[in-house]
């Protein structure tokens, strides 16, 4: 499936990029995303939930 297709419904979505959490996190539990020069932490909890903090 291409990165421009919805992984759930399979239809094309030209302005969105889809990525699985497995692909995004690899073997880590936390990643840092920089948005407008500000770091944000995205982490996976023990219960499998995603938490985004500044």
PDB file of N, CA and C in Angstrom:
ATOM      1  N   UNK A   1       0.858  -1.174   0.000  1.00  0.00           N
ATOM      2  CA  UNK A   1       0.000   0.000   0.000  1.00  0.00           C
ATOM      3  C   UNK A   1       0.902   1.235   0.000  1.00  0.00           C
ATOM      4  N   UNK A   2       0.569   2.218  -0.797  1.00  0.00           N
ATOM      5  CA  UNK A   2       1.382   3.430  -0.860  1.00  0.00           C
ATOM      6  C   UNK A   2       1.156   4.277   0.386  1.00  0.00           C
ATOM      7  N   UNK A   3       2.105   5.173   0.673  1.00  0.00           N
ATOM      8  CA  UNK A   3       1.984   6.027   1.855  1.00  0.00           C
ATOM      9  C   UNK A   3       0.867   7.043   1.699  1.00  0.00           C
ATOM     10  N   UNK A   4       0.338   7.212   0.494  1.00  0.00           N
ATOM     11  CA  UNK A   4      -0.744   8.166   0.277  1.00  0.00           C
ATOM     12  C   UNK A   4      -2.119   7.522   0.340  1.00  0.00           C
ATOM     13  N   UNK A   5      -2.169   6.241   0.677  1.00  0.00           N
ATOM     14  CA  UNK A   5      -3.454   5.571   0.790  1.00  0.00           C
ATOM     15  C   UNK A   5      -3.791   5.326   2.249  1.00  0.00           C
ATOM     16  N   UNK A   6      -5.056   5.477   2.556  1.00  0.00           N
ATOM     17  CA  UNK A   6      -5.539   5.201   3.897  1.00  0.00           C
ATOM     18  C   UNK A   6      -5.331   3.718   4.210  1.00  0.00           C
ATOM     19  N   UNK A   7      -4.624   3.382   5.308  1.00  0.00           N
ATOM     20  CA  UNK A   7      -4.379   1.972   5.613  1.00  0.00           C
ATOM     21  C   UNK A   7      -5.631   1.235   6.066  1.00  0.00           C
ATOM     22  N   UNK A   8      -6.639   1.969   6.485  1.00  0.00           N
ATOM     23  CA  UNK A   8      -7.876   1.348   6.955  1.00  0.00           C
ATOM     24  C   UNK A   8      -8.831   1.102   5.801  1.00  0.00           C
ATOM     25  N   UNK A   9      -9.050   2.139   4.985  1.00  0.00           N
ATOM     26  CA  UNK A   9     -10.033   2.043   3.914  1.00  0.00           C
ATOM     27  C   UNK A   9      -9.421   1.811   2.538  1.00  0.00           C
ATOM     28  N   UNK A  10      -8.114   2.059   2.369  1.00  0.00           N
ATOM     29  CA  UNK A  10      -7.438   1.783   1.107  1.00  0.00           C
ATOM     30  C   UNK A  10      -7.659   2.810   0.014  1.00  0.00           C
ATOM     31  N   UNK A  11      -8.423   3.871   0.281  1.00  0.00           N
ATOM     32  CA  UNK A  11      -8.650   4.865  -0.758  1.00  0.00           C
ATOM     33  C   UNK A  11      -7.508   5.877  -0.760  1.00  0.00           C
ATOM     34  N   UNK A  12      -7.303   6.528  -1.898  1.00  0.00           N
ATOM     35  CA  UNK A  12      -6.231   7.508  -2.034  1.00  0.00           C
ATOM     36  C   UNK A  12      -6.506   8.760  -1.220  1.00  0.00           C
ATOM     37  N   UNK A  13      -5.483   9.330  -0.692  1.00  0.00           N
ATOM     38  CA  UNK A  13      -5.585  10.541   0.130  1.00  0.00           C
ATOM     39  C   UNK A  13      -4.360  11.377  -0.219  1.00  0.00           C
ATOM     40  N   UNK A  14      -4.495  12.292  -1.179  1.00  0.00           N
ATOM     41  CA  UNK A  14      -3.342  12.964  -1.748  1.00  0.00           C
ATOM     42  C   UNK A  14      -2.637  13.928  -0.801  1.00  0.00           C
ATOM     43  N   UNK A  15      -3.313  14.491   0.183  1.00  0.00           N
ATOM     44  CA  UNK A  15      -2.693  15.489   1.050  1.00  0.00           C
ATOM     45  C   UNK A  15      -2.326  14.952   2.421  1.00  0.00           C
ATOM     46  N   UNK A  16      -2.444  13.675   2.634  1.00  0.00           N
ATOM     47  CA  UNK A  16      -2.103  13.075   3.921  1.00  0.00           C
ATOM     48  C   UNK A  16      -1.079  11.982   3.721  1.00  0.00           C
ATOM     49  N   UNK A  17      -0.223  11.848   4.694  1.00  0.00           N
ATOM     50  CA  UNK A  17       0.771  10.786   4.680  1.00  0.00           C
ATOM     51  C   UNK A  17       0.461   9.838   5.827  1.00  0.00           C
ATOM     52  N   UNK A  18       0.322   8.563   5.552  1.00  0.00           N
ATOM     53  CA  UNK A  18      -0.025   7.565   6.557  1.00  0.00           C
ATOM     54  C   UNK A  18       1.220   6.789   6.951  1.00  0.00           C
ATOM     55  N   UNK A  19       1.390   6.553   8.252  1.00  0.00           N
ATOM     56  CA  UNK A  19       2.522   5.788   8.742  1.00  0.00           C
ATOM     57  C   UNK A  19       2.069   5.020   9.975  1.00  0.00           C
ATOM     58  N   UNK A  20       2.446   3.767  10.064  1.00  0.00           N
ATOM     59  CA  UNK A  20       2.080   2.974  11.244  1.00  0.00           C
ATOM     60  C   UNK A  20       2.968   3.376  12.416  1.00  0.00           C
ATOM     61  N   UNK A  21       2.482   3.162  13.626  1.00  0.00           N
ATOM     62  CA  UNK A  21       3.302   3.475  14.792  1.00  0.00           C
ATOM     63  C   UNK A  21       4.528   2.561  14.847  1.00  0.00           C
ATOM     64  N   UNK A  22       4.397   1.349  14.355  1.00  0.00           N
ATOM     65  CA  UNK A  22       5.547   0.445  14.324  1.00  0.00           C
ATOM     66  C   UNK A  22       6.658   1.029  13.453  1.00  0.00           C
ATOM     67  N   UNK A  23       6.283   1.585  12.319  1.00  0.00           N
ATOM     68  CA  UNK A  23       7.242   2.197  11.416  1.00  0.00           C
ATOM     69  C   UNK A  23       7.800   3.494  11.999  1.00  0.00           C
ATOM     70  N   UNK A  24       6.961   4.267  12.657  1.00  0.00           N
ATOM     71  CA  UNK A  24       7.362   5.553  13.213  1.00  0.00           C
ATOM     72  C   UNK A  24       8.287   5.394  14.418  1.00  0.00           C
ATOM     73  N   UNK A  25       7.939   4.509  15.340  1.00  0.00           N
ATOM     74  CA  UNK A  25       8.706   4.350  16.574  1.00  0.00           C
ATOM     75  C   UNK A  25       9.843   3.352  16.469  1.00  0.00           C
ATOM     76  N   UNK A  26       9.768   2.431  15.501  1.00  0.00           N
ATOM     77  CA  UNK A  26      10.737   1.327  15.387  1.00  0.00           C
ATOM     78  C   UNK A  26      10.762   0.593  16.723  1.00  0.00           C
ATOM     79  N   UNK A  27      11.877   0.617  17.453  1.00  0.00           N
ATOM     80  CA  UNK A  27      11.956  -0.095  18.733  1.00  0.00           C
ATOM     81  C   UNK A  27      11.892   0.844  19.933  1.00  0.00           C
ATOM     82  N   UNK A  28      11.679   2.130  19.697  1.00  0.00           N
ATOM     83  CA  UNK A  28      11.627   3.125  20.774  1.00  0.00           C
ATOM     84  C   UNK A  28      10.213   3.247  21.326  1.00  0.00           C
ATOM     85  N   UNK A  29      10.107   3.810  22.516  1.00  0.00           N
ATOM     86  CA  UNK A  29       8.798   4.104  23.117  1.00  0.00           C
ATOM     87  C   UNK A  29       8.468   5.580  23.030  1.00  0.00           C
ATOM     88  N   UNK A  30       9.473   6.393  22.663  1.00  0.00           N
ATOM     89  CA  UNK A  30       9.285   7.835  22.615  1.00  0.00           C
ATOM     90  C   UNK A  30      10.088   8.424  21.466  1.00  0.00           C
ATOM     91  N   UNK A  31       9.489   9.395  20.778  1.00  0.00           N
ATOM     92  CA  UNK A  31      10.192  10.115  19.721  1.00  0.00           C
ATOM     93  C   UNK A  31       9.976  11.611  19.945  1.00  0.00           C
ATOM     94  N   UNK A  32      10.847  12.417  19.371  1.00  0.00           N
ATOM     95  CA  UNK A  32      10.702  13.868  19.441  1.00  0.00           C
ATOM     96  C   UNK A  32      10.345  14.380  18.057  1.00  0.00           C
ATOM     97  N   UNK A  33       9.309  15.195  17.995  1.00  0.00           N
ATOM     98  CA  UNK A  33       8.858  15.814  16.754  1.00  0.00           C
ATOM     99  C   UNK A  33       9.075  17.315  16.904  1.00  0.00           C
ATOM    100  N   UNK A  34       9.715  17.944  15.923  1.00  0.00           N
ATOM    101  CA  UNK A  34       9.925  19.390  15.971  1.00  0.00           C
ATOM    102  C   UNK A  34       8.898  20.044  15.055  1.00  0.00           C
ATOM    103  N   UNK A  35       8.122  20.970  15.627  1.00  0.00           N
ATOM    104  CA  UNK A  35       7.094  21.698  14.891  1.00  0.00           C
ATOM    105  C   UNK A  35       7.254  23.178  15.215  1.00  0.00           C
ATOM    106  N   UNK A  36       7.436  24.005  14.188  1.00  0.00           N
ATOM    107  CA  UNK A  36       7.661  25.445  14.388  1.00  0.00           C
ATOM    108  C   UNK A  36       8.800  25.715  15.383  1.00  0.00           C
ATOM    109  N   UNK A  37       9.868  24.954  15.244  1.00  0.00           N
ATOM    110  CA  UNK A  37      11.075  25.090  16.069  1.00  0.00           C
ATOM    111  C   UNK A  37      10.848  24.711  17.533  1.00  0.00           C
ATOM    112  N   UNK A  38       9.746  24.050  17.830  1.00  0.00           N
ATOM    113  CA  UNK A  38       9.443  23.614  19.188  1.00  0.00           C
ATOM    114  C   UNK A  38       9.443  22.085  19.240  1.00  0.00           C
ATOM    115  N   UNK A  39      10.151  21.499  20.225  1.00  0.00           N
ATOM    116  CA  UNK A  39      10.139  20.037  20.336  1.00  0.00           C
ATOM    117  C   UNK A  39       8.890  19.531  21.068  1.00  0.00           C
ATOM    118  N   UNK A  40       8.324  18.471  20.560  1.00  0.00           N
ATOM    119  CA  UNK A  40       7.198  17.783  21.186  1.00  0.00           C
ATOM    120  C   UNK A  40       7.590  16.320  21.346  1.00  0.00           C
ATOM    121  N   UNK A  41       7.205  15.714  22.437  1.00  0.00           N
ATOM    122  CA  UNK A  41       7.488  14.303  22.661  1.00  0.00           C
ATOM    123  C   UNK A  41       6.220  13.497  22.423  1.00  0.00           C
ATOM    124  N   UNK A  42       6.351  12.480  21.615  1.00  0.00           N
ATOM    125  CA  UNK A  42       5.256  11.543  21.357  1.00  0.00           C
ATOM    126  C   UNK A  42       5.696  10.202  21.910  1.00  0.00           C
ATOM    127  N   UNK A  43       4.907   9.663  22.828  1.00  0.00           N
ATOM    128  CA  UNK A  43       5.290   8.393  23.435  1.00  0.00           C
ATOM    129  C   UNK A  43       4.123   7.419  23.466  1.00  0.00           C
ATOM    130  N   UNK A  44       4.478   6.154  23.544  1.00  0.00           N
ATOM    131  CA  UNK A  44       3.504   5.073  23.660  1.00  0.00           C
ATOM    132  C   UNK A  44       3.485   4.638  25.113  1.00  0.00           C
ATOM    133  N   UNK A  45       2.298   4.631  25.719  1.00  0.00           N
ATOM    134  CA  UNK A  45       2.173   4.211  27.117  1.00  0.00           C
ATOM    135  C   UNK A  45       2.204   2.687  27.214  1.00  0.00           C
ATOM    136  N   UNK A  46       2.273   2.199  28.443  1.00  0.00           N
ATOM    137  CA  UNK A  46       2.253   0.745  28.682  1.00  0.00           C
ATOM    138  C   UNK A  46       0.945   0.124  28.184  1.00  0.00           C
ATOM    139  N   UNK A  47      -0.130   0.930  28.140  1.00  0.00           N
ATOM    140  CA  UNK A  47      -1.430   0.445  27.666  1.00  0.00           C
ATOM    141  C   UNK A  47      -1.609   0.608  26.168  1.00  0.00           C
ATOM    142  N   UNK A  48      -0.560   1.075  25.466  1.00  0.00           N
ATOM    143  CA  UNK A  48      -0.636   1.212  24.020  1.00  0.00           C
ATOM    144  C   UNK A  48      -1.269   2.508  23.520  1.00  0.00           C
ATOM    145  N   UNK A  49      -1.469   3.462  24.424  1.00  0.00           N
ATOM    146  CA  UNK A  49      -2.036   4.763  24.037  1.00  0.00           C
ATOM    147  C   UNK A  49      -0.918   5.708  23.614  1.00  0.00           C
ATOM    148  N   UNK A  50      -1.243   6.722  22.812  1.00  0.00           N
ATOM    149  CA  UNK A  50      -0.271   7.725  22.406  1.00  0.00           C
ATOM    150  C   UNK A  50      -0.478   8.999  23.219  1.00  0.00           C
ATOM    151  N   UNK A  51       0.627   9.569  23.690  1.00  0.00           N
ATOM    152  CA  UNK A  51       0.604  10.809  24.458  1.00  0.00           C
ATOM    153  C   UNK A  51       1.552  11.786  23.773  1.00  0.00           C
ATOM    154  N   UNK A  52       1.052  12.987  23.445  1.00  0.00           N
ATOM    155  CA  UNK A  52       1.863  14.044  22.856  1.00  0.00           C
ATOM    156  C   UNK A  52       1.992  15.161  23.883  1.00  0.00           C
ATOM    157  N   UNK A  53       3.239  15.524  24.243  1.00  0.00           N
ATOM    158  CA  UNK A  53       3.480  16.601  25.200  1.00  0.00           C
ATOM    159  C   UNK A  53       4.502  17.568  24.647  1.00  0.00           C
ATOM    160  N   UNK A  54       4.431  18.790  25.142  1.00  0.00           N
ATOM    161  CA  UNK A  54       5.367  19.818  24.717  1.00  0.00           C
ATOM    162  C   UNK A  54       6.555  19.843  25.644  1.00  0.00           C
TER     163      UNK A  54
END
